[in-house]
Amino acid sequence: MELAEMDKKILKLLLEDARCTYHDISKKLKVTPATVMNRVKKLEKSGVIEAYQTRINLSKLGLNVISVVSIKAKPRMVDALAEKMKRMNEIRGAVIVSGEVDIFAFVRFKTTEELYAFVKKLLTLPEIESTRTYVAFDVIKPFKLTIPQDLE
């Protein structure tokens, strides 16, 4: 979907602060609140805007153990495993990938003992052939919702 310049500006402002009102956006972009509302509604209806969410600093909640778990599924079991993983609250994000493994799961825990318990839980799933766990020492660049540069 090709975005108009005004839509890109609106999206950028909403990504900075999803609580921004139509009035606030209209003042910054020098258009009417009705224009902003109509464009936002169009972006919602087309699926460009899926949801409005609050970002939480998980470190402030004590979730300082950051890890990526690579998972190799048993043959023809990736989809079934993915469905199970969607329901696992411990997983903050996950992607199906190509290569030697099938899935990368991103997790955060308070302690390494909690991480270890989670990995042991994963290994009880019949769809999993093997896992490899990587503990992150530092976050270089956090995952952040932004408009890709080629759309700006």
N, C-alpha and C. Protein backbone atom coordinates (compact mmCIF):
# COMPACT_ATOMS: atom_id res chain seq x y z
N MET A 1 0.85 -1.17 0.00
CA MET A 1 0.00 0.00 0.00
C MET A 1 0.90 1.24 0.00
N GLU A 2 0.64 2.14 -0.90
CA GLU A 2 1.39 3.40 -0.99
C GLU A 2 0.80 4.40 0.00
N LEU A 3 1.65 4.97 0.85
CA LEU A 3 1.18 5.94 1.84
C LEU A 3 1.40 7.36 1.35
N ALA A 4 0.40 8.21 1.58
CA ALA A 4 0.53 9.64 1.28
C ALA A 4 1.46 10.25 2.33
N GLU A 5 2.08 11.36 1.99
CA GLU A 5 3.00 12.04 2.91
C GLU A 5 2.31 12.37 4.23
N MET A 6 1.07 12.82 4.17
CA MET A 6 0.34 13.16 5.39
C MET A 6 0.15 11.92 6.27
N ASP A 7 -0.14 10.78 5.65
CA ASP A 7 -0.31 9.53 6.41
C ASP A 7 0.99 9.14 7.10
N LYS A 8 2.10 9.30 6.42
CA LYS A 8 3.41 8.98 7.01
C LYS A 8 3.68 9.87 8.22
N LYS A 9 3.36 11.14 8.11
CA LYS A 9 3.58 12.07 9.22
C LYS A 9 2.68 11.71 10.41
N ILE A 10 1.46 11.36 10.12
CA ILE A 10 0.53 10.96 11.19
C ILE A 10 1.04 9.70 11.88
N LEU A 11 1.46 8.71 11.10
CA LEU A 11 1.97 7.47 11.67
C LEU A 11 3.20 7.73 12.55
N LYS A 12 4.08 8.57 12.08
CA LYS A 12 5.28 8.89 12.85
C LYS A 12 4.91 9.50 14.20
N LEU A 13 3.96 10.42 14.22
CA LEU A 13 3.53 11.03 15.47
C LEU A 13 2.86 10.01 16.39
N LEU A 14 2.04 9.14 15.82
CA LEU A 14 1.38 8.12 16.64
C LEU A 14 2.37 7.11 17.20
N LEU A 15 3.43 6.81 16.44
CA LEU A 15 4.45 5.90 16.94
C LEU A 15 5.24 6.53 18.08
N GLU A 16 5.41 7.83 18.04
CA GLU A 16 6.10 8.53 19.12
C GLU A 16 5.23 8.58 20.38
N ASP A 17 3.91 8.76 20.18
CA ASP A 17 2.98 8.83 21.31
C ASP A 17 1.59 8.43 20.83
N ALA A 18 1.20 7.20 21.12
CA ALA A 18 -0.10 6.69 20.66
C ALA A 18 -1.27 7.40 21.36
N ARG A 19 -0.98 8.13 22.43
CA ARG A 19 -2.04 8.87 23.13
C ARG A 19 -2.30 10.23 22.52
N CYS A 20 -1.52 10.57 21.52
CA CYS A 20 -1.66 11.86 20.84
C CYS A 20 -3.09 11.99 20.29
N THR A 21 -3.74 13.10 20.57
CA THR A 21 -5.12 13.29 20.09
C THR A 21 -5.12 13.80 18.65
N TYR A 22 -6.26 13.68 18.02
CA TYR A 22 -6.41 14.23 16.66
C TYR A 22 -6.09 15.73 16.67
N HIS A 23 -6.52 16.39 17.72
CA HIS A 23 -6.27 17.82 17.84
C HIS A 23 -4.77 18.12 17.93
N ASP A 24 -4.06 17.34 18.76
CA ASP A 24 -2.61 17.52 18.89
C ASP A 24 -1.90 17.32 17.55
N ILE A 25 -2.29 16.27 16.85
CA ILE A 25 -1.67 15.97 15.55
C ILE A 25 -2.00 17.07 14.55
N SER A 26 -3.25 17.51 14.55
CA SER A 26 -3.66 18.54 13.59
C SER A 26 -2.88 19.85 13.79
N LYS A 27 -2.60 20.19 15.05
CA LYS A 27 -1.82 21.40 15.32
C LYS A 27 -0.39 21.26 14.79
N LYS A 28 0.21 20.09 14.99
CA LYS A 28 1.59 19.88 14.54
C LYS A 28 1.69 19.84 13.02
N LEU A 29 0.66 19.32 12.37
CA LEU A 29 0.71 19.17 10.91
C LEU A 29 -0.02 20.29 10.17
N LYS A 30 -0.63 21.19 10.95
CA LYS A 30 -1.34 22.34 10.38
C LYS A 30 -2.46 21.92 9.42
N VAL A 31 -3.27 20.97 9.88
CA VAL A 31 -4.48 20.54 9.17
C VAL A 31 -5.60 20.47 10.19
N THR A 32 -6.80 20.20 9.75
CA THR A 32 -7.93 20.15 10.67
C THR A 32 -7.97 18.80 11.41
N PRO A 33 -8.53 18.80 12.63
CA PRO A 33 -8.69 17.53 13.34
C PRO A 33 -9.51 16.52 12.53
N ALA A 34 -10.49 16.99 11.77
CA ALA A 34 -11.31 16.10 10.94
C ALA A 34 -10.46 15.39 9.89
N THR A 35 -9.51 16.12 9.31
CA THR A 35 -8.60 15.52 8.32
C THR A 35 -7.79 14.40 8.97
N VAL A 36 -7.26 14.68 10.16
CA VAL A 36 -6.47 13.67 10.86
C VAL A 36 -7.33 12.47 11.19
N MET A 37 -8.54 12.71 11.72
CA MET A 37 -9.42 11.61 12.09
C MET A 37 -9.75 10.74 10.88
N ASN A 38 -10.08 11.37 9.75
CA ASN A 38 -10.42 10.61 8.55
C ASN A 38 -9.25 9.76 8.06
N ARG A 39 -8.07 10.33 8.11
CA ARG A 39 -6.87 9.59 7.65
C ARG A 39 -6.56 8.44 8.60
N VAL A 40 -6.66 8.67 9.91
CA VAL A 40 -6.40 7.61 10.89
C VAL A 40 -7.42 6.49 10.72
N LYS A 41 -8.68 6.83 10.56
CA LYS A 41 -9.72 5.81 10.36
C LYS A 41 -9.44 4.99 9.10
N LYS A 42 -8.98 5.65 8.04
CA LYS A 42 -8.63 4.96 6.80
C LYS A 42 -7.45 4.01 7.02
N LEU A 43 -6.45 4.46 7.78
CA LEU A 43 -5.29 3.62 8.08
C LEU A 43 -5.68 2.43 8.94
N GLU A 44 -6.62 2.63 9.86
CA GLU A 44 -7.11 1.52 10.68
C GLU A 44 -7.89 0.52 9.82
N LYS A 45 -8.79 1.04 8.99
CA LYS A 45 -9.63 0.16 8.15
C LYS A 45 -8.79 -0.66 7.17
N SER A 46 -7.72 -0.06 6.65
CA SER A 46 -6.86 -0.77 5.68
C SER A 46 -5.92 -1.75 6.36
N GLY A 47 -5.82 -1.69 7.70
CA GLY A 47 -4.95 -2.61 8.43
C GLY A 47 -3.54 -2.10 8.63
N VAL A 48 -3.24 -0.88 8.16
CA VAL A 48 -1.91 -0.32 8.39
C VAL A 48 -1.72 -0.09 9.90
N ILE A 49 -2.73 0.47 10.55
CA ILE A 49 -2.72 0.58 12.02
C ILE A 49 -3.49 -0.63 12.54
N GLU A 50 -2.76 -1.49 13.26
CA GLU A 50 -3.39 -2.71 13.79
C GLU A 50 -3.89 -2.51 15.21
N ALA A 51 -3.13 -1.76 16.02
CA ALA A 51 -3.49 -1.60 17.43
C ALA A 51 -2.73 -0.43 18.02
N TYR A 52 -3.17 0.00 19.18
CA TYR A 52 -2.47 1.02 19.95
C TYR A 52 -2.02 0.33 21.23
N GLN A 53 -0.70 0.39 21.51
CA GLN A 53 -0.17 -0.36 22.64
C GLN A 53 0.70 0.51 23.53
N THR A 54 0.86 0.04 24.77
CA THR A 54 1.76 0.67 25.71
C THR A 54 3.05 -0.13 25.72
N ARG A 55 4.19 0.55 25.64
CA ARG A 55 5.49 -0.11 25.75
C ARG A 55 5.90 -0.07 27.22
N ILE A 56 6.34 -1.20 27.71
CA ILE A 56 6.76 -1.30 29.11
C ILE A 56 8.25 -1.59 29.15
N ASN A 57 8.96 -0.92 30.03
CA ASN A 57 10.38 -1.17 30.23
C ASN A 57 10.50 -2.40 31.13
N LEU A 58 10.77 -3.55 30.52
CA LEU A 58 10.80 -4.81 31.27
C LEU A 58 11.93 -4.86 32.28
N SER A 59 13.02 -4.15 32.03
CA SER A 59 14.12 -4.11 33.00
C SER A 59 13.67 -3.48 34.32
N LYS A 60 12.80 -2.47 34.23
CA LYS A 60 12.27 -1.81 35.43
C LYS A 60 11.42 -2.78 36.26
N LEU A 61 10.93 -3.85 35.61
CA LEU A 61 10.14 -4.86 36.31
C LEU A 61 11.00 -6.04 36.75
N GLY A 62 12.31 -5.90 36.58
CA GLY A 62 13.23 -6.94 37.04
C GLY A 62 13.51 -8.04 36.02
N LEU A 63 13.01 -7.90 34.81
CA LEU A 63 13.24 -8.92 33.78
C LEU A 63 14.53 -8.58 33.03
N ASN A 64 15.64 -8.86 33.68
CA ASN A 64 16.94 -8.46 33.17
C ASN A 64 17.69 -9.54 32.40
N VAL A 65 17.23 -10.78 32.47
CA VAL A 65 17.88 -11.86 31.74
C VAL A 65 17.20 -11.95 30.37
N ILE A 66 17.94 -11.49 29.36
CA ILE A 66 17.42 -11.45 27.99
C ILE A 66 18.04 -12.61 27.22
N SER A 67 17.22 -13.34 26.50
CA SER A 67 17.74 -14.51 25.81
C SER A 67 17.04 -14.74 24.49
N VAL A 68 17.79 -15.34 23.57
CA VAL A 68 17.23 -15.81 22.31
C VAL A 68 17.40 -17.32 22.31
N VAL A 69 16.31 -18.03 22.06
CA VAL A 69 16.36 -19.48 22.01
C VAL A 69 16.11 -19.90 20.56
N SER A 70 17.10 -20.58 19.97
CA SER A 70 16.89 -21.11 18.63
C SER A 70 16.33 -22.52 18.79
N ILE A 71 15.36 -22.83 17.94
CA ILE A 71 14.64 -24.09 18.09
C ILE A 71 14.61 -24.82 16.75
N LYS A 72 15.00 -26.08 16.78
CA LYS A 72 14.89 -26.94 15.61
C LYS A 72 13.70 -27.86 15.86
N ALA A 73 12.72 -27.78 14.99
CA ALA A 73 11.53 -28.61 15.12
C ALA A 73 11.76 -29.96 14.44
N LYS A 74 11.00 -30.94 14.88
CA LYS A 74 11.03 -32.23 14.19
C LYS A 74 10.41 -32.04 12.81
N PRO A 75 10.75 -32.90 11.86
CA PRO A 75 10.23 -32.74 10.49
C PRO A 75 8.72 -32.55 10.45
N ARG A 76 8.30 -31.56 9.66
CA ARG A 76 6.89 -31.23 9.42
C ARG A 76 6.12 -30.84 10.69
N MET A 77 6.84 -30.35 11.71
CA MET A 77 6.19 -29.99 12.97
C MET A 77 6.27 -28.50 13.29
N VAL A 78 6.81 -27.71 12.38
CA VAL A 78 7.01 -26.28 12.66
C VAL A 78 5.68 -25.58 12.93
N ASP A 79 4.69 -25.83 12.09
CA ASP A 79 3.41 -25.13 12.26
C ASP A 79 2.73 -25.50 13.58
N ALA A 80 2.74 -26.78 13.93
CA ALA A 80 2.13 -27.21 15.19
C ALA A 80 2.87 -26.59 16.38
N LEU A 81 4.19 -26.56 16.29
CA LEU A 81 5.00 -25.95 17.35
C LEU A 81 4.71 -24.46 17.45
N ALA A 82 4.65 -23.79 16.31
CA ALA A 82 4.38 -22.35 16.31
C ALA A 82 3.05 -22.05 16.99
N GLU A 83 2.04 -22.87 16.75
CA GLU A 83 0.73 -22.65 17.39
C GLU A 83 0.84 -22.78 18.91
N LYS A 84 1.59 -23.76 19.38
CA LYS A 84 1.78 -23.91 20.83
C LYS A 84 2.53 -22.71 21.41
N MET A 85 3.56 -22.26 20.68
CA MET A 85 4.38 -21.16 21.18
C MET A 85 3.60 -19.85 21.25
N LYS A 86 2.63 -19.67 20.39
CA LYS A 86 1.80 -18.45 20.42
C LYS A 86 1.09 -18.31 21.76
N ARG A 87 0.83 -19.42 22.42
CA ARG A 87 0.10 -19.40 23.69
C ARG A 87 1.02 -19.38 24.92
N MET A 88 2.34 -19.35 24.70
CA MET A 88 3.28 -19.37 25.82
C MET A 88 3.60 -17.95 26.26
N ASN A 89 3.15 -17.60 27.46
CA ASN A 89 3.32 -16.24 27.97
C ASN A 89 4.77 -15.84 28.15
N GLU A 90 5.65 -16.79 28.33
CA GLU A 90 7.07 -16.46 28.54
C GLU A 90 7.73 -15.88 27.29
N ILE A 91 7.17 -16.20 26.13
CA ILE A 91 7.78 -15.77 24.87
C ILE A 91 7.32 -14.36 24.54
N ARG A 92 8.28 -13.43 24.43
CA ARG A 92 7.98 -12.02 24.12
C ARG A 92 7.80 -11.81 22.62
N GLY A 93 8.43 -12.66 21.82
CA GLY A 93 8.33 -12.59 20.37
C GLY A 93 8.95 -13.84 19.79
N ALA A 94 8.56 -14.19 18.58
CA ALA A 94 9.13 -15.38 17.94
C ALA A 94 8.97 -15.25 16.43
N VAL A 95 9.94 -15.81 15.71
CA VAL A 95 9.90 -15.78 14.25
C VAL A 95 10.29 -17.15 13.71
N ILE A 96 9.64 -17.53 12.62
CA ILE A 96 10.06 -18.72 11.87
C ILE A 96 11.12 -18.26 10.90
N VAL A 97 12.23 -19.00 10.83
CA VAL A 97 13.37 -18.59 10.02
C VAL A 97 13.80 -19.73 9.08
N SER A 98 14.63 -19.37 8.12
CA SER A 98 15.24 -20.39 7.27
C SER A 98 16.63 -20.69 7.82
N GLY A 99 17.17 -21.81 7.43
CA GLY A 99 18.52 -22.15 7.88
C GLY A 99 18.52 -23.43 8.68
N GLU A 100 19.51 -23.55 9.55
CA GLU A 100 19.70 -24.77 10.32
C GLU A 100 18.67 -24.95 11.43
N VAL A 101 18.06 -23.86 11.87
CA VAL A 101 17.00 -23.94 12.88
C VAL A 101 15.71 -23.42 12.27
N ASP A 102 14.61 -23.61 12.98
CA ASP A 102 13.30 -23.24 12.44
C ASP A 102 12.69 -22.00 13.09
N ILE A 103 12.98 -21.79 14.36
CA ILE A 103 12.33 -20.70 15.10
C ILE A 103 13.35 -20.03 16.03
N PHE A 104 13.25 -18.71 16.12
CA PHE A 104 13.95 -17.95 17.16
C PHE A 104 12.88 -17.42 18.10
N ALA A 105 13.03 -17.69 19.38
CA ALA A 105 12.11 -17.18 20.40
C ALA A 105 12.87 -16.19 21.27
N PHE A 106 12.26 -15.05 21.52
CA PHE A 106 12.86 -14.00 22.34
C PHE A 106 12.17 -14.01 23.70
N VAL A 107 12.96 -14.17 24.75
CA VAL A 107 12.40 -14.30 26.10
C VAL A 107 13.15 -13.40 27.08
N ARG A 108 12.48 -13.09 28.18
CA ARG A 108 13.11 -12.31 29.27
C ARG A 108 12.64 -12.89 30.59
N PHE A 109 13.59 -13.00 31.52
CA PHE A 109 13.28 -13.55 32.83
C PHE A 109 14.01 -12.75 33.90
N LYS A 110 13.59 -12.96 35.16
CA LYS A 110 14.26 -12.29 36.27
C LYS A 110 15.59 -12.97 36.59
N THR A 111 15.63 -14.29 36.46
CA THR A 111 16.83 -15.03 36.84
C THR A 111 17.19 -16.06 35.77
N THR A 112 18.43 -16.51 35.82
CA THR A 112 18.84 -17.57 34.89
C THR A 112 18.16 -18.89 35.25
N GLU A 113 17.79 -19.04 36.52
CA GLU A 113 17.06 -20.25 36.92
C GLU A 113 15.70 -20.30 36.23
N GLU A 114 15.02 -19.15 36.11
CA GLU A 114 13.75 -19.10 35.40
C GLU A 114 13.94 -19.42 33.92
N LEU A 115 15.01 -18.90 33.33
CA LEU A 115 15.32 -19.19 31.94
C LEU A 115 15.56 -20.68 31.76
N TYR A 116 16.33 -21.27 32.64
CA TYR A 116 16.63 -22.71 32.56
C TYR A 116 15.34 -23.53 32.67
N ALA A 117 14.45 -23.16 33.58
CA ALA A 117 13.17 -23.87 33.73
C ALA A 117 12.35 -23.77 32.44
N PHE A 118 12.38 -22.60 31.81
CA PHE A 118 11.65 -22.42 30.56
C PHE A 118 12.22 -23.32 29.46
N VAL A 119 13.54 -23.37 29.35
CA VAL A 119 14.17 -24.21 28.32
C VAL A 119 13.83 -25.68 28.57
N LYS A 120 13.87 -26.10 29.82
CA LYS A 120 13.48 -27.49 30.14
C LYS A 120 12.02 -27.75 29.75
N LYS A 121 11.17 -26.76 29.98
CA LYS A 121 9.75 -26.89 29.59
C LYS A 121 9.64 -27.04 28.07
N LEU A 122 10.39 -26.23 27.33
CA LEU A 122 10.37 -26.34 25.87
C LEU A 122 10.76 -27.74 25.42
N LEU A 123 11.79 -28.28 26.04
CA LEU A 123 12.30 -29.58 25.61
C LEU A 123 11.34 -30.73 25.90
N THR A 124 10.27 -30.47 26.66
CA THR A 124 9.26 -31.51 26.86
C THR A 124 8.25 -31.57 25.72
N LEU A 125 8.26 -30.53 24.87
CA LEU A 125 7.30 -30.51 23.75
C LEU A 125 7.72 -31.53 22.70
N PRO A 126 6.79 -32.38 22.28
CA PRO A 126 7.14 -33.44 21.34
C PRO A 126 7.53 -32.93 19.95
N GLU A 127 7.20 -31.69 19.62
CA GLU A 127 7.51 -31.13 18.30
C GLU A 127 8.97 -30.65 18.19
N ILE A 128 9.66 -30.54 19.33
CA ILE A 128 11.01 -29.97 19.33
C ILE A 128 12.07 -31.06 19.25
N GLU A 129 12.99 -30.85 18.30
CA GLU A 129 14.14 -31.75 18.17
C GLU A 129 15.28 -31.28 19.06
N SER A 130 15.57 -29.97 19.02
CA SER A 130 16.66 -29.44 19.85
C SER A 130 16.51 -27.93 20.01
N THR A 131 17.22 -27.40 21.00
CA THR A 131 17.25 -25.95 21.22
C THR A 131 18.69 -25.52 21.47
N ARG A 132 18.92 -24.25 21.28
CA ARG A 132 20.20 -23.64 21.65
C ARG A 132 19.84 -22.29 22.24
N THR A 133 20.39 -21.99 23.41
CA THR A 133 20.04 -20.78 24.13
C THR A 133 21.21 -19.81 24.16
N TYR A 134 20.90 -18.56 23.82
CA TYR A 134 21.89 -17.48 23.82
C TYR A 134 21.44 -16.42 24.81
N VAL A 135 22.30 -16.09 25.76
CA VAL A 135 21.98 -15.04 26.73
C VAL A 135 22.60 -13.75 26.24
N ALA A 136 21.81 -12.69 26.23
CA ALA A 136 22.29 -11.38 25.78
C ALA A 136 22.95 -10.65 26.94
N PHE A 137 24.11 -10.04 26.67
CA PHE A 137 24.79 -9.24 27.68
C PHE A 137 24.32 -7.80 27.68
N ASP A 138 23.92 -7.31 26.50
CA ASP A 138 23.52 -5.92 26.38
C ASP A 138 22.61 -5.78 25.16
N VAL A 139 21.73 -4.81 25.22
CA VAL A 139 20.86 -4.50 24.09
C VAL A 139 21.50 -3.35 23.34
N ILE A 140 21.91 -3.61 22.11
CA ILE A 140 22.54 -2.59 21.28
C ILE A 140 21.50 -1.63 20.75
N LYS A 141 20.43 -2.19 20.23
CA LYS A 141 19.34 -1.40 19.68
C LYS A 141 18.05 -2.16 19.94
N PRO A 142 17.19 -1.63 20.78
CA PRO A 142 15.96 -2.36 21.11
C PRO A 142 15.00 -2.40 19.92
N PHE A 143 14.15 -3.42 19.93
CA PHE A 143 13.10 -3.48 18.93
C PHE A 143 12.18 -2.30 19.20
N LYS A 144 11.96 -1.50 18.19
CA LYS A 144 11.13 -0.31 18.36
C LYS A 144 10.30 -0.15 17.10
N LEU A 145 9.05 0.17 17.29
CA LEU A 145 8.18 0.40 16.14
C LEU A 145 8.47 1.74 15.54
N THR A 146 8.93 1.73 14.30
CA THR A 146 9.21 2.95 13.58
C THR A 146 8.79 2.77 12.13
N ILE A 147 8.69 3.86 11.44
CA ILE A 147 8.40 3.78 10.01
C ILE A 147 9.72 3.52 9.30
N PRO A 148 9.82 2.46 8.49
CA PRO A 148 11.08 2.19 7.79
C PRO A 148 11.48 3.41 6.94
N GLN A 149 12.79 3.63 6.83
CA GLN A 149 13.30 4.81 6.11
C GLN A 149 12.81 4.86 4.68
N ASP A 150 12.65 3.72 4.04
CA ASP A 150 12.22 3.75 2.65
C ASP A 150 10.75 4.16 2.50
N LEU A 151 10.02 4.23 3.63
CA LEU A 151 8.64 4.73 3.59
C LEU A 151 8.53 6.16 4.05
N GLU A 152 9.60 6.71 4.60
CA GLU A 152 9.54 8.09 5.08
C GLU A 152 9.55 9.08 3.94
